[in-house]
C-alpha atoms as a PDB file:
ATOM      1  CA  MET A   1      31.595 -35.848 -21.607  1.00  0.00           C
ATOM      2  CA  ALA A   2      30.629 -33.595 -24.265  1.00  0.00           C
ATOM      3  CA  THR A   3      28.681 -31.288 -21.930  1.00  0.00           C
ATOM      4  CA  ARG A   4      32.070 -30.957 -19.631  1.00  0.00           C
ATOM      5  CA  LEU A   5      33.879 -30.094 -22.522  1.00  0.00           C
ATOM      6  CA  ARG A   6      31.852 -27.429 -23.696  1.00  0.00           C
ATOM      7  CA  LEU A   7      31.937 -25.714 -19.946  1.00  0.00           C
ATOM      8  CA  TYR A   8      35.350 -25.957 -19.643  1.00  0.00           C
ATOM      9  CA  ALA A   9      35.975 -24.507 -23.444  1.00  0.00           C
ATOM     10  CA  LEU A  10      33.325 -22.110 -23.918  1.00  0.00           C
ATOM     11  CA  CYS A  11      33.017 -20.580 -20.560  1.00  0.00           C
ATOM     12  CA  LEU A  12      36.726 -20.402 -19.562  1.00  0.00           C
ATOM     13  CA  PRO A  13      37.346 -16.931 -22.103  1.00  0.00           C
ATOM     14  CA  PRO A  14      34.303 -14.877 -20.583  1.00  0.00           C
ATOM     15  CA  LEU A  15      35.088 -15.970 -17.042  1.00  0.00           C
ATOM     16  CA  ALA A  16      38.699 -15.091 -17.171  1.00  0.00           C
ATOM     17  CA  LEU A  17      37.832 -11.920 -18.873  1.00  0.00           C
ATOM     18  CA  ALA A  18      34.841 -11.178 -16.154  1.00  0.00           C
ATOM     19  CA  VAL A  19      37.205 -12.191 -13.139  1.00  0.00           C
ATOM     20  CA  LEU A  20      39.694  -9.756 -14.779  1.00  0.00           C
ATOM     21  CA  ASP A  21      37.288  -6.990 -15.493  1.00  0.00           C
ATOM     22  CA  GLY A  22      35.950  -7.315 -12.177  1.00  0.00           C
ATOM     23  CA  ALA A  23      38.923  -7.221 -10.245  1.00  0.00           C
ATOM     24  CA  LEU A  24      40.467  -4.098 -12.347  1.00  0.00           C
ATOM     25  CA  THR A  25      36.672  -2.745 -11.143  1.00  0.00           C
ATOM     26  CA  LEU A  26      37.535  -3.054  -7.718  1.00  0.00           C
ATOM     27  CA  ALA A  27      41.128  -2.152  -7.775  1.00  0.00           C
ATOM     28  CA  GLY A  28      40.075   1.349  -9.710  1.00  0.00           C
ATOM     29  CA  GLN A  29      38.057   2.477  -6.777  1.00  0.00           C
ATOM     30  CA  SER A  30      39.142   5.650  -4.779  1.00  0.00           C
ATOM     31  CA  GLU A  31      40.592   5.967  -1.207  1.00  0.00           C
ATOM     32  CA  ALA A  32      37.597   7.647  -0.691  1.00  0.00           C
ATOM     33  CA  TYR A  33      35.134   4.644  -1.650  1.00  0.00           C
ATOM     34  CA  TRP A  34      37.367   2.358   0.384  1.00  0.00           C
ATOM     35  CA  ALA A  35      37.571   4.656   3.635  1.00  0.00           C
ATOM     36  CA  GLY A  36      33.336   4.294   3.562  1.00  0.00           C
ATOM     37  CA  ASP A  37      31.988   6.903   1.126  1.00  0.00           C
ATOM     38  CA  TYR A  38      30.530   4.468  -1.500  1.00  0.00           C
ATOM     39  CA  ARG A  39      28.844   7.529  -3.284  1.00  0.00           C
ATOM     40  CA  GLN A  40      32.381   7.871  -4.749  1.00  0.00           C
ATOM     41  CA  VAL A  41      31.913   5.291  -7.541  1.00  0.00           C
ATOM     42  CA  ASN A  42      33.823   5.096 -10.682  1.00  0.00           C
ATOM     43  CA  GLU A  43      31.840   2.759 -13.113  1.00  0.00           C
ATOM     44  CA  MET A  44      30.080   3.093 -16.104  1.00  0.00           C
ATOM     45  CA  SER A  45      27.773  -0.023 -16.159  1.00  0.00           C
ATOM     46  CA  PRO A  46      24.525   1.233 -14.646  1.00  0.00           C
ATOM     47  CA  THR A  47      24.042  -2.165 -12.864  1.00  0.00           C
ATOM     48  CA  PHE A  48      27.313  -2.591 -10.964  1.00  0.00           C
ATOM     49  CA  HIS A  49      27.605   1.162 -10.359  1.00  0.00           C
ATOM     50  CA  HIS A  50      24.257   0.493  -8.362  1.00  0.00           C
ATOM     51  CA  LEU A  51      25.816  -2.614  -6.680  1.00  0.00           C
ATOM     52  CA  LEU A  52      29.200  -0.814  -5.960  1.00  0.00           C
ATOM     53  CA  THR A  53      26.992   2.298  -4.177  1.00  0.00           C
ATOM     54  CA  SER A  54      25.675  -0.023  -1.850  1.00  0.00           C
ATOM     55  CA  HIS A  55      29.152  -2.123  -0.743  1.00  0.00           C
ATOM     56  CA  PRO A  56      31.494  -3.849  -2.391  1.00  0.00           C
ATOM     57  CA  LEU A  57      30.476  -7.346  -1.270  1.00  0.00           C
ATOM     58  CA  ALA A  58      27.150  -6.168  -2.877  1.00  0.00           C
ATOM     59  CA  PHE A  59      29.206  -6.115  -5.996  1.00  0.00           C
ATOM     60  CA  ALA A  60      30.708  -9.211  -5.866  1.00  0.00           C
ATOM     61  CA  VAL A  61      27.575 -11.206  -5.125  1.00  0.00           C
ATOM     62  CA  GLY A  62      26.230  -9.571  -8.067  1.00  0.00           C
ATOM     63  CA  PHE A  63      29.188 -10.116 -10.504  1.00  0.00           C
ATOM     64  CA  ALA A  64      29.290 -13.512  -9.422  1.00  0.00           C
ATOM     65  CA  ALA A  65      25.117 -13.948 -10.215  1.00  0.00           C
ATOM     66  CA  TRP A  66      26.106 -12.381 -13.452  1.00  0.00           C
ATOM     67  CA  MET A  67      28.726 -14.905 -14.080  1.00  0.00           C
ATOM     68  CA  ALA A  68      26.146 -17.839 -13.162  1.00  0.00           C
ATOM     69  CA  VAL A  69      23.846 -16.071 -16.178  1.00  0.00           C
ATOM     70  CA  PHE A  70      26.001 -16.103 -18.690  1.00  0.00           C
ATOM     71  CA  VAL A  71      27.593 -19.635 -17.694  1.00  0.00           C
ATOM     72  CA  GLY A  72      24.263 -21.090 -17.476  1.00  0.00           C
ATOM     73  CA  LEU A  73      23.277 -19.614 -20.789  1.00  0.00           C
ATOM     74  CA  ILE A  74      26.364 -21.168 -22.550  1.00  0.00           C
ATOM     75  CA  LEU A  75      25.457 -24.527 -21.170  1.00  0.00           C
ATOM     76  CA  LEU A  76      21.752 -24.310 -21.860  1.00  0.00           C
ATOM     77  CA  LEU A  77      21.559 -22.676 -25.071  1.00  0.00           C
ATOM     78  CA  PRO A  78      21.928 -24.667 -28.832  1.00  0.00           C
ATOM     79  CA  ALA A  79      25.506 -24.526 -29.871  1.00  0.00           C
ATOM     80  CA  THR A  80      25.523 -21.485 -32.351  1.00  0.00           C
ATOM     81  CA  LEU A  81      23.767 -19.338 -29.632  1.00  0.00           C
ATOM     82  CA  ALA A  82      26.269 -20.902 -26.833  1.00  0.00           C
ATOM     83  CA  LEU A  83      29.296 -19.585 -29.089  1.00  0.00           C
ATOM     84  CA  LEU A  84      27.513 -16.264 -29.552  1.00  0.00           C
ATOM     85  CA  VAL A  85      27.164 -15.388 -25.667  1.00  0.00           C
ATOM     86  CA  ALA A  86      30.297 -16.658 -24.896  1.00  0.00           C
ATOM     87  CA  ILE A  87      32.198 -14.666 -27.508  1.00  0.00           C
ATOM     88  CA  ALA A  88      29.715 -11.518 -26.766  1.00  0.00           C
ATOM     89  CA  VAL A  89      30.304 -11.740 -23.201  1.00  0.00           C
ATOM     90  CA  THR A  90      34.089 -11.765 -23.766  1.00  0.00           C
ATOM     91  CA  PHE A  91      34.101  -8.914 -25.584  1.00  0.00           C
ATOM     92  CA  GLY A  92      32.155  -6.932 -23.721  1.00  0.00           C
ATOM     93  CA  HIS A  93      34.527  -7.796 -20.579  1.00  0.00           C
ATOM     94  CA  THR A  94      37.602  -7.574 -22.725  1.00  0.00           C
ATOM     95  CA  ALA A  95      36.502  -3.972 -23.262  1.00  0.00           C
ATOM     96  CA  GLY A  96      35.696  -3.186 -19.782  1.00  0.00           C
ATOM     97  CA  ALA A  97      38.933  -4.649 -18.803  1.00  0.00           C
ATOM     98  CA  ALA A  98      40.574  -2.206 -21.396  1.00  0.00           C
ATOM     99  CA  THR A  99      39.174   1.039 -20.142  1.00  0.00           C
ATOM    100  CA  TRP A 100      40.577   0.486 -16.730  1.00  0.00           C
ATOM    101  CA  LEU A 101      43.945  -0.649 -18.485  1.00  0.00           C
ATOM    102  CA  LEU A 102      44.654   2.145 -20.974  1.00  0.00           C
ATOM    103  CA  TRP A 103      44.631   5.549 -18.732  1.00  0.00           C
ATOM    104  CA  ARG A 104      46.013   3.988 -15.570  1.00  0.00           C
ATOM    105  CA  PHE A 105      49.010   2.402 -16.614  1.00  0.00           C
ATOM    106  CA  TYR A 106      52.329   4.119 -18.133  1.00  0.00           C
ATOM    107  CA  PHE A 107      51.929   1.628 -20.931  1.00  0.00           C
ATOM    108  CA  GLY A 108      48.235   1.386 -21.117  1.00  0.00           C
ATOM    109  CA  TYR A 109      47.969   0.910 -25.049  1.00  0.00           C
ATOM    110  CA  GLN A 110      50.259  -1.688 -25.093  1.00  0.00           C
ATOM    111  CA  ALA A 111      48.289  -3.168 -22.062  1.00  0.00           C
ATOM    112  CA  CYS A 112      45.450  -3.082 -23.739  1.00  0.00           C
ATOM    113  CA  ASN A 113      46.654  -4.416 -27.543  1.00  0.00           C
ATOM    114  CA  LEU A 114      48.238  -7.324 -25.311  1.00  0.00           C
ATOM    115  CA  LEU A 115      45.081  -7.907 -23.254  1.00  0.00           C
ATOM    116  CA  ILE A 116      43.012  -8.187 -27.050  1.00  0.00           C
ATOM    117  CA  LEU A 117      45.361 -10.576 -27.916  1.00  0.00           C
ATOM    118  CA  VAL A 118      45.084 -12.824 -25.252  1.00  0.00           C
ATOM    119  CA  SER A 119      41.332 -12.362 -25.225  1.00  0.00           C
ATOM    120  CA  ALA A 120      41.826 -13.547 -29.049  1.00  0.00           C
ATOM    121  CA  LEU A 121      44.396 -16.623 -27.922  1.00  0.00           C
ATOM    122  CA  LEU A 122      41.170 -17.673 -25.179  1.00  0.00           C
ATOM    123  CA  LEU A 123      38.513 -17.194 -27.773  1.00  0.00           C
ATOM    124  CA  THR A 124      40.268 -19.418 -30.375  1.00  0.00           C
ATOM    125  CA  LEU A 125      41.115 -22.379 -28.216  1.00  0.00           C
ATOM    126  CA  ALA A 126      37.539 -22.234 -26.862  1.00  0.00           C
ATOM    127  CA  ILE A 127      36.372 -22.366 -30.347  1.00  0.00           C
ATOM    128  CA  ARG A 128      38.366 -25.066 -31.455  1.00  0.00           C
ATOM    129  CA  ILE A 129      37.989 -27.079 -28.820  1.00  0.00           C
ATOM    130  CA  GLY A 130      34.394 -26.578 -27.252  1.00  0.00           C
ATOM    131  CA  TRP A 131      32.746 -25.808 -30.888  1.00  0.00           C
ATOM    132  CA  PRO A 132      33.075 -29.329 -31.673  1.00  0.00           C
ATOM    133  CA  ALA A 133      31.860 -30.497 -28.293  1.00  0.00           C
ATOM    134  CA  ASN A 134      28.051 -30.223 -29.558  1.00  0.00           C
ATOM    135  CA  PRO A 135      26.412 -32.190 -27.136  1.00  0.00           C
ATOM    136  CA  THR A 136      23.436 -33.930 -28.439  1.00  0.00           C
ATOM    137  CA  GLU A 137      19.711 -32.975 -27.268  1.00  0.00           C
ATOM    138  CA  ALA A 138      19.868 -35.633 -24.663  1.00  0.00           C
ATOM    139  CA  GLN A 139      23.199 -34.689 -23.147  1.00  0.00           C
ATOM    140  CA  ARG A 140      21.709 -30.942 -22.573  1.00  0.00           C
ATOM    141  CA  LEU A 141      20.915 -29.532 -19.382  1.00  0.00           C
ATOM    142  CA  LEU A 142      17.021 -29.967 -18.513  1.00  0.00           C
ATOM    143  CA  ALA A 143      17.027 -32.109 -22.009  1.00  0.00           C
ATOM    144  CA  ALA A 144      13.922 -34.016 -20.140  1.00  0.00           C
ATOM    145  CA  ARG A 145      12.337 -30.929 -19.324  1.00  0.00           C
ATOM    146  CA  PRO A 146      12.409 -28.987 -22.745  1.00  0.00           C
ATOM    147  CA  LEU A 147       9.488 -26.644 -21.462  1.00  0.00           C
ATOM    148  CA  TRP A 148      11.701 -25.933 -18.206  1.00  0.00           C
ATOM    149  CA  ARG A 149      14.651 -25.239 -20.342  1.00  0.00           C
ATOM    150  CA  TRP A 150      13.861 -22.958 -22.701  1.00  0.00           C
ATOM    151  CA  THR A 151      11.999 -20.763 -19.857  1.00  0.00           C
ATOM    152  CA  LEU A 152      15.447 -20.706 -17.824  1.00  0.00           C
ATOM    153  CA  ILE A 153      17.250 -19.526 -21.530  1.00  0.00           C
ATOM    154  CA  ALA A 154      14.271 -16.639 -21.729  1.00  0.00           C
ATOM    155  CA  ALA A 155      14.835 -15.792 -18.276  1.00  0.00           C
ATOM    156  CA  LEU A 156      18.489 -15.419 -18.396  1.00  0.00           C
ATOM    157  CA  GLY A 157      18.378 -14.060 -21.438  1.00  0.00           C
ATOM    158  CA  ALA A 158      15.707 -11.613 -20.115  1.00  0.00           C
ATOM    159  CA  LEU A 159      17.883 -10.795 -17.254  1.00  0.00           C
ATOM    160  CA  GLY A 160      21.247 -10.578 -19.263  1.00  0.00           C
ATOM    161  CA  VAL A 161      19.541  -7.734 -21.608  1.00  0.00           C
ATOM    162  CA  TRP A 162      17.910  -5.666 -18.501  1.00  0.00           C
ATOM    163  CA  LEU A 163      21.185  -5.780 -17.057  1.00  0.00           C
ATOM    164  CA  PHE A 164      23.494  -4.425 -19.552  1.00  0.00           C
ATOM    165  CA  LEU A 165      21.666  -3.318 -22.923  1.00  0.00           C
ATOM    166  CA  TRP A 166      18.046  -1.972 -21.422  1.00  0.00           C
ATOM    167  CA  PRO A 167      19.084   2.257 -21.433  1.00  0.00           C
ATOM    168  CA  ARG A 168      18.931   3.599 -17.652  1.00  0.00           C
ATOM    169  CA  ALA A 169      21.126   6.025 -15.829  1.00  0.00           C
ATOM    170  CA  ALA A 170      23.752   5.010 -13.669  1.00  0.00           C
END
């Protein structure tokens, strides 16, 4: 039960903001892009810029894979590190979504402030519900195989660092 509660609570804010950010990214592409000129990409993330230059479906698959990476980390990591990942990913996608809202809507400033408020509300609820849901070691995913668990954590963490923190051009 604790693992399921943690899944719902700590994964919901980053998932919700990631979906919003991804949807706004697709909606923010030009008519030329949607007409098939995939070189006309409007995206700052080098990873997702590259995927969008291939095809919108490549972006969707890559984005789904990214969501699986951070959900996996939240479920595998010890409580404090899982909370850190949940907050960092929520902040990142809140900022990403805000960049789409700010200049594209007449009340973009107010929309960004509302987005930040909703993001804070989701994180508050997640922390209040998910933080006490600290599974015992026996309840953790791959608990019986700690080497596999920490190898998977290292691989998912390294993938996240490479995707979003390692400097490279779009």
